[in-house]
Protein backbone atom coordinates (compact mmCIF):
# COMPACT_ATOMS: atom_id res chain seq x y z
CA UNK A 1 6.94 -32.85 4.33
CA UNK A 2 5.70 -31.40 1.02
CA UNK A 3 8.14 -31.41 -1.91
CA UNK A 4 10.57 -28.53 -2.04
CA UNK A 5 10.34 -26.23 -5.03
CA UNK A 6 13.02 -26.95 -7.54
CA UNK A 7 14.17 -25.94 -11.01
CA UNK A 8 12.59 -22.49 -10.69
CA UNK A 9 14.40 -20.22 -13.12
CA UNK A 10 15.94 -16.86 -12.08
CA UNK A 11 14.95 -17.21 -8.46
CA UNK A 12 16.55 -17.49 -5.04
CA UNK A 13 15.28 -19.97 -2.50
CA UNK A 14 15.87 -18.35 0.89
CA UNK A 15 14.62 -21.46 2.64
CA UNK A 16 12.79 -21.04 5.93
CA UNK A 17 12.22 -17.48 7.14
CA UNK A 18 9.64 -15.43 8.94
CA UNK A 19 7.25 -12.61 8.11
CA UNK A 20 8.79 -10.59 10.92
CA UNK A 21 12.07 -10.53 9.00
CA UNK A 22 10.57 -9.43 5.69
CA UNK A 23 7.77 -6.96 6.46
CA UNK A 24 7.87 -3.33 7.57
CA UNK A 25 5.69 -4.00 10.62
CA UNK A 26 8.17 -6.65 11.76
CA UNK A 27 5.57 -9.09 13.06
CA UNK A 28 4.50 -12.55 11.86
CA UNK A 29 5.39 -16.21 12.18
CA UNK A 30 7.78 -18.57 10.47
CA UNK A 31 7.50 -19.39 6.77
CA UNK A 32 8.36 -22.81 5.36
CA UNK A 33 9.89 -21.68 2.09
CA UNK A 34 10.63 -18.20 0.78
CA UNK A 35 11.21 -17.80 -2.95
CA UNK A 36 12.49 -14.53 -4.41
CA UNK A 37 11.40 -14.60 -8.10
CA UNK A 38 13.45 -12.15 -10.17
CA UNK A 39 11.77 -12.63 -13.54
CA UNK A 40 8.21 -12.98 -14.82
CA UNK A 41 8.96 -16.58 -15.77
CA UNK A 42 10.25 -17.34 -12.25
CA UNK A 43 7.15 -15.82 -10.68
CA UNK A 44 4.81 -17.82 -12.88
CA UNK A 45 6.76 -21.03 -12.50
CA UNK A 46 6.87 -20.83 -8.70
CA UNK A 47 3.13 -20.12 -8.49
CA UNK A 48 2.22 -22.86 -10.97
CA UNK A 49 4.34 -25.40 -9.11
CA UNK A 50 2.70 -24.55 -5.80
CA UNK A 51 -0.76 -24.75 -7.37
CA UNK A 52 0.08 -28.09 -9.01
CA UNK A 53 1.27 -29.48 -5.68
CA UNK A 54 -1.70 -28.08 -3.83
CA UNK A 55 0.70 -26.18 -1.64
CA UNK A 56 -0.36 -22.87 -0.08
CA UNK A 57 1.31 -19.93 -1.81
CA UNK A 58 1.35 -16.32 -0.72
CA UNK A 59 2.41 -13.73 -3.24
CA UNK A 60 4.25 -10.84 -1.61
CA UNK A 61 5.89 -7.64 -2.82
CA UNK A 62 7.85 -5.30 -0.54
CA UNK A 63 5.95 -6.34 2.61
CA UNK A 64 5.06 -2.78 3.57
CA UNK A 65 1.26 -3.16 3.53
CA UNK A 66 0.63 -6.55 5.11
CA UNK A 67 -0.09 -7.79 8.65
CA UNK A 68 0.78 -11.48 9.07
CA UNK A 69 -0.32 -13.88 11.77
CA UNK A 70 2.06 -15.05 14.47
CA UNK A 71 1.26 -18.64 13.46
CA UNK A 72 3.69 -20.49 11.21
CA UNK A 73 2.85 -20.48 7.50
CA UNK A 74 3.41 -24.00 6.17
CA UNK A 75 3.63 -23.02 2.57
CA UNK A 76 5.65 -20.94 0.13
CA UNK A 77 5.97 -17.21 -0.04
CA UNK A 78 6.67 -16.06 -3.59
CA UNK A 79 8.25 -12.65 -3.46
CA UNK A 80 7.67 -10.87 -6.77
CA UNK A 81 10.97 -9.24 -7.72
CA UNK A 82 11.29 -8.67 -11.50
CA UNK A 83 12.86 -5.25 -12.24
CA UNK A 84 13.09 -2.86 -15.16
CA UNK A 85 11.59 0.46 -16.15
CA UNK A 86 11.29 1.79 -19.73
CA UNK A 87 10.04 5.18 -20.86
CA UNK A 88 8.67 6.12 -24.31
CA UNK A 89 7.81 9.68 -25.45
CA UNK A 90 4.40 9.93 -27.11
CA UNK A 91 3.52 13.46 -28.33
CA UNK A 92 3.22 15.39 -25.11
CA UNK A 93 2.93 12.31 -22.96
CA UNK A 94 5.36 9.72 -21.66
CA UNK A 95 4.53 6.04 -21.37
CA UNK A 96 6.24 4.24 -18.51
CA UNK A 97 6.34 0.47 -18.32
CA UNK A 98 7.54 -0.83 -14.97
CA UNK A 99 8.12 -4.37 -13.72
CA UNK A 100 6.30 -5.33 -10.54
CA UNK A 101 9.45 -5.70 -8.45
CA UNK A 102 10.61 -2.08 -8.94
CA UNK A 103 10.49 0.22 -5.93
CA UNK A 104 7.53 2.58 -6.27
CA UNK A 105 9.56 5.65 -5.38
CA UNK A 106 12.11 4.79 -8.05
CA UNK A 107 9.27 4.97 -10.57
CA UNK A 108 8.33 8.40 -9.27
CA UNK A 109 11.93 9.58 -9.71
CA UNK A 110 12.11 8.14 -13.21
CA UNK A 111 8.90 9.90 -14.14
CA UNK A 112 10.27 13.23 -12.95
CA UNK A 113 13.46 12.61 -14.95
CA UNK A 114 11.26 11.90 -18.02
CA UNK A 115 9.68 15.33 -17.69
CA UNK A 116 6.43 14.50 -15.89
CA UNK A 117 5.53 15.71 -12.41
CA UNK A 118 2.19 13.89 -12.32
CA UNK A 119 3.30 11.27 -9.77
CA UNK A 120 5.17 13.72 -7.47
CA UNK A 121 2.34 13.73 -4.85
CA UNK A 122 2.85 9.95 -4.54
CA UNK A 123 6.54 10.34 -3.57
CA UNK A 124 7.95 8.37 -0.65
CA UNK A 125 5.27 5.69 -0.52
CA UNK A 126 7.00 2.43 0.49
CA UNK A 127 6.54 -0.78 -1.46
CA UNK A 128 6.77 -1.99 -4.99
CA UNK A 129 5.17 -1.05 -8.29
CA UNK A 130 3.27 -4.36 -8.42
CA UNK A 131 1.34 -3.50 -5.23
CA UNK A 132 0.31 -0.03 -6.42
CA UNK A 133 -2.76 -1.09 -8.47
CA UNK A 134 -3.90 -3.61 -5.84
CA UNK A 135 -4.48 -0.89 -3.27
CA UNK A 136 -5.01 1.88 -5.81
CA UNK A 137 -2.31 3.72 -3.91
CA UNK A 138 -3.07 7.36 -3.33
CA UNK A 139 -1.86 10.37 -1.35
CA UNK A 140 -2.11 14.15 -1.37
CA UNK A 141 -4.80 14.32 -4.01
CA UNK A 142 -3.42 11.77 -6.51
CA UNK A 143 -4.15 8.07 -7.13
CA UNK A 144 -2.42 5.41 -9.20
CA UNK A 145 -5.60 4.90 -11.19
CA UNK A 146 -5.40 8.51 -12.45
CA UNK A 147 -2.61 7.49 -14.82
CA UNK A 148 -2.60 3.74 -15.08
CA UNK A 149 -3.23 2.29 -18.55
CA UNK A 150 -2.97 -1.47 -18.04
CA UNK A 151 -1.70 -4.21 -15.79
CA UNK A 152 0.03 -7.37 -16.97
CA UNK A 153 -0.91 -10.29 -14.71
CA UNK A 154 -0.72 -14.03 -14.31
CA UNK A 155 -4.27 -15.33 -13.82
CA UNK A 156 -4.07 -18.33 -11.47
CA UNK A 157 -7.62 -19.29 -12.28
CA UNK A 158 -7.31 -19.18 -16.09
CA UNK A 159 -3.62 -20.14 -16.00
CA UNK A 160 -2.66 -17.49 -18.50
CA UNK A 161 -0.96 -14.13 -18.82
CA UNK A 162 -3.47 -11.34 -19.31
CA UNK A 163 -3.34 -7.61 -20.02
CA UNK A 164 -6.07 -5.90 -17.98
CA UNK A 165 -7.10 -2.41 -18.90
CA UNK A 166 -7.64 0.22 -16.24
CA UNK A 167 -11.39 -0.26 -16.62
CA UNK A 168 -11.01 -4.02 -16.05
CA UNK A 169 -9.11 -3.32 -12.81
CA UNK A 170 -12.27 -2.15 -10.97
CA UNK A 171 -10.58 0.78 -9.23
CA UNK A 172 -12.19 2.61 -6.35
CA UNK A 173 -11.00 4.49 -3.26
CA UNK A 174 -8.11 2.38 -1.92
CA UNK A 175 -9.46 -0.71 -3.64
CA UNK A 176 -9.48 -2.65 -6.88
CA UNK A 177 -10.49 -5.91 -8.48
CA UNK A 178 -7.19 -7.36 -7.26
CA UNK A 179 -8.12 -6.61 -3.65
CA UNK A 180 -11.53 -8.24 -4.07
CA UNK A 181 -9.93 -11.35 -5.67
CA UNK A 182 -6.75 -11.48 -3.60
CA UNK A 183 -5.59 -14.98 -4.58
CA UNK A 184 -6.35 -14.88 -8.30
CA UNK A 185 -3.99 -12.44 -10.00
CA UNK A 186 -0.21 -11.97 -9.74
CA UNK A 187 0.79 -8.52 -10.98
CA UNK A 188 3.84 -8.73 -13.30
CA UNK A 189 4.03 -5.29 -14.94
CA UNK A 190 2.21 -1.95 -14.84
CA UNK A 191 1.88 0.63 -17.63
CA UNK A 192 1.32 4.35 -17.03
CA UNK A 193 0.67 7.30 -19.38
CA UNK A 194 1.77 10.62 -17.90
CA UNK A 195 1.53 14.20 -19.23
CA UNK A 196 4.89 15.79 -20.09
CA UNK A 197 4.74 18.72 -17.67
CA UNK A 198 7.31 19.60 -15.00
CA UNK A 199 4.64 21.13 -12.81
CA UNK A 200 1.56 19.48 -11.23
CA UNK A 201 -1.72 20.88 -9.96
CA UNK A 202 -1.81 20.80 -6.15
CA UNK A 203 -5.28 19.83 -4.96
CA UNK A 204 -4.62 18.81 -1.37
CA UNK A 205 -4.80 21.69 1.15
CA UNK A 206 -2.00 20.46 3.41
CA UNK A 207 0.37 19.97 0.53
CA UNK A 208 -0.63 23.38 -0.97
CA UNK A 209 0.32 24.98 2.36
CA UNK A 210 3.66 23.16 2.47
CA UNK A 211 4.50 24.19 -1.07
CA UNK A 212 3.20 27.75 -0.60
CA UNK A 213 0.53 27.85 -3.29
CA UNK A 214 -3.24 28.09 -3.32
CA UNK A 215 -5.26 24.89 -3.76
CA UNK A 216 -5.73 24.30 -7.50
CA UNK A 217 -2.50 26.07 -8.50
CA UNK A 218 0.34 24.18 -10.20
CA UNK A 219 3.77 23.88 -8.63
CA UNK A 220 7.17 22.53 -9.73
CA UNK A 221 7.27 18.76 -9.49
CA UNK A 222 10.61 18.64 -7.67
CA UNK A 223 9.36 21.13 -5.10
CA UNK A 224 6.16 19.12 -4.67
CA UNK A 225 8.19 15.93 -4.18
CA UNK A 226 10.39 17.55 -1.48
CA UNK A 227 7.32 18.88 0.33
CA UNK A 228 5.57 15.49 0.21
CA UNK A 229 8.65 13.70 1.55
CA UNK A 230 8.91 16.19 4.44
CA UNK A 231 5.20 15.79 5.26
CA UNK A 232 5.50 12.00 5.18
CA UNK A 233 8.62 12.06 7.40
CA UNK A 234 6.81 14.25 9.94
CA UNK A 235 4.09 11.56 10.10
CA UNK A 236 6.49 8.59 10.32
CA UNK A 237 5.43 7.48 6.81
CA UNK A 238 8.90 7.18 5.25
CA UNK A 239 10.65 3.96 6.24
CA UNK A 240 13.61 4.52 8.57
CA UNK A 241 15.54 1.60 10.05
CA UNK A 242 16.24 3.61 13.20
CA UNK A 243 12.73 5.01 13.80
CA UNK A 244 10.25 2.55 15.38
CA UNK A 245 7.37 4.83 14.35
CA UNK A 246 8.06 3.75 10.76
CA UNK A 247 7.96 0.05 11.70
CA UNK A 248 4.37 -0.01 10.52
CA UNK A 249 2.13 -0.47 7.48
CA UNK A 250 1.57 3.31 7.21
CA UNK A 251 -2.11 4.18 7.52
CA UNK A 252 -3.80 1.27 9.24
CA UNK A 253 -7.34 2.50 8.42
CA UNK A 254 -8.80 4.11 5.33
CA UNK A 255 -10.84 7.28 5.53
CA UNK A 256 -14.47 6.12 5.93
CA UNK A 257 -17.01 6.93 3.24
CA UNK A 258 -20.39 7.57 4.82
CA UNK A 259 -23.80 8.80 3.78
CA UNK A 260 -24.57 12.51 3.92
CA UNK A 261 -26.97 11.78 6.78
CA UNK A 262 -24.20 10.15 8.85
CA UNK A 263 -21.75 12.94 7.96
CA UNK A 264 -24.21 15.51 9.35
CA UNK A 265 -24.12 13.76 12.77
CA UNK A 266 -20.38 14.33 13.07
CA UNK A 267 -18.91 17.48 14.66
CA UNK A 268 -18.39 20.41 12.24
CA UNK A 269 -14.65 20.32 12.77
CA UNK A 270 -14.37 16.76 11.38
CA UNK A 271 -12.65 17.11 7.97
CA UNK A 272 -14.84 15.82 5.15
CA UNK A 273 -14.55 15.58 1.38
CA UNK A 274 -17.25 15.02 -1.25
CA UNK A 275 -17.08 11.91 -3.45
CA UNK A 276 -18.34 11.32 -7.01
CA UNK A 277 -21.04 8.98 -5.61
CA UNK A 278 -22.60 11.77 -3.53
CA UNK A 279 -21.39 10.22 -0.27
CA UNK A 280 -18.89 11.88 2.04
CA UNK A 281 -15.32 10.84 2.89
CA UNK A 282 -14.33 11.73 6.46
CA UNK A 283 -10.93 11.76 8.17
CA UNK A 284 -10.09 8.55 9.98
CA UNK A 285 -7.17 10.26 11.77
CA UNK A 286 -9.51 12.96 13.09
CA UNK A 287 -12.07 10.37 14.29
CA UNK A 288 -9.40 8.43 16.08
CA UNK A 289 -7.95 11.46 17.85
CA UNK A 290 -11.37 12.87 18.69
CA UNK A 291 -12.42 9.59 20.26
CA UNK A 292 -9.69 10.10 22.87
CA UNK A 293 -6.80 8.12 21.41
CA UNK A 294 -3.55 10.02 21.65
CA UNK A 295 -0.39 9.54 19.62
CA UNK A 296 1.89 7.06 21.38
CA UNK A 297 -0.99 5.21 23.10
CA UNK A 298 -0.31 1.59 24.10
CA UNK A 299 -2.50 -1.04 25.72
CA UNK A 300 -1.08 -2.52 28.95
CA UNK A 301 1.64 -5.15 28.40
CA UNK A 302 1.66 -4.59 24.62
CA UNK A 303 4.50 -3.53 22.31
CA UNK A 304 2.13 -2.24 19.63
CA UNK A 305 1.40 1.44 19.83
CA UNK A 306 -0.29 4.26 18.05
CA UNK A 307 2.52 6.13 16.27
CA UNK A 308 3.95 9.05 18.23
CA UNK A 309 3.68 11.07 14.97
CA UNK A 310 0.30 10.22 13.55
CA UNK A 311 -2.84 8.63 14.96
CA UNK A 312 -3.61 6.73 11.77
CA UNK A 313 -0.59 4.42 12.08
CA UNK A 314 0.04 1.50 14.40
CA UNK A 315 3.70 0.88 14.96
CA UNK A 316 5.89 -1.81 16.50
CA UNK A 317 7.54 -0.33 19.58
CA UNK A 318 10.18 -3.04 19.60
CA UNK A 319 8.84 -6.52 20.27
CA UNK A 320 5.23 -6.47 19.14
CA UNK A 321 3.40 -9.54 17.97
CA UNK A 322 0.64 -9.69 15.39
CA UNK A 323 -1.83 -10.25 18.16
CA UNK A 324 -0.61 -7.03 19.87
CA UNK A 325 -1.28 -5.10 16.66
CA UNK A 326 -4.71 -6.67 16.07
CA UNK A 327 -5.77 -6.11 19.67
CA UNK A 328 -4.83 -2.42 19.47
CA UNK A 329 -6.57 -2.01 16.09
CA UNK A 330 -9.76 -3.62 17.47
CA UNK A 331 -9.66 -1.31 20.50
CA UNK A 332 -9.22 1.78 18.25
CA UNK A 333 -12.07 0.69 16.00
CA UNK A 334 -14.41 0.11 18.94
CA UNK A 335 -13.63 3.52 20.43
CA UNK A 336 -14.49 5.27 17.18
CA UNK A 337 -17.70 3.22 16.81
CA UNK A 338 -18.75 3.98 20.38
CA UNK A 339 -17.99 7.70 20.00
CA UNK A 340 -19.20 8.46 16.50
CA UNK A 341 -21.04 5.39 15.19
CA UNK A 342 -18.60 5.06 12.31
CA UNK A 343 -16.73 1.75 11.75
CA UNK A 344 -13.16 1.99 10.53
CA UNK A 345 -11.98 -0.31 7.75
CA UNK A 346 -8.40 -1.63 7.60
CA UNK A 347 -6.14 -0.61 4.77
CA UNK A 348 -3.39 -3.30 4.83
CA UNK A 349 -3.90 -6.90 3.81
CA UNK A 350 -4.43 -9.21 6.77
CA UNK A 351 -2.90 -12.66 6.38
CA UNK A 352 -4.06 -15.38 8.78
CA UNK A 353 -5.63 -12.80 11.11
CA UNK A 354 -8.67 -10.56 11.24
CA UNK A 355 -10.30 -7.78 13.20
């Protein structure tokens, strides 16, 4: 048996556990040791000790965007849990510094209280602040990278704390440098600069309709937040202990970005959006539904299902395994490829499993 972690400051050793107990999808195998690190020092110390021992270490935040294998993980999960949010006024802008273990939606609320509505379209997204730059979290026309200034990280390769600028983070649509180098950086703190303005420009058609304004018109941030939360609830995208549709990772697939030539082969009714690169982003949810996959669909003898509220989510109907989820995701991907020739790409991180 490998040595147990000891002397880690400001942390809680939960001992053995399972991914099913600690992730929103509620699937995954047993974990040898689970460390909740409540300070930057505890995060770094736990990771360094694992690296020194040659022991596998998985860094986890809120567990809302990860699909974990059913196999046991004979290593240590380090759950990043430092908290704290500070706000500083800066001549028409507000700088917000948030620890990685803060709930993302708490940051949105704090930004509204500080007089900025910029993050209101990102309301209700589950997970922690530390995960937001990894995925370049986005929704309803806004992305984290729109306002992020820098990210404080522990670099496991260089064994040092670094401050990475937004440019150094390599942001793209639902991706970043952190996603491309998944085992190198541990996010400790994120810094945002937001305009001081209690209204926000609504650029997403569905949100504009819910708020009652034209696309491109500004609306009150609190009203935008309420509309976003209602839209997300209607799609099963706000975590609810009593709603199995929310026992998921949210959107399982990202919207594909295809060439203009490929986009022209798709039916006219397929929603599409231009991108700065000249390519075309198309709706994954539409492709899934149009390939004949209905909400609530389940494969025989499987407890994984397409959400009854939204075709883009795969949910745990009660006793699903990771293999159930992966099998359904593979089947959905193959249906879309066979129907439209477009291959869907997963959004969550896959740990010990693959499509």
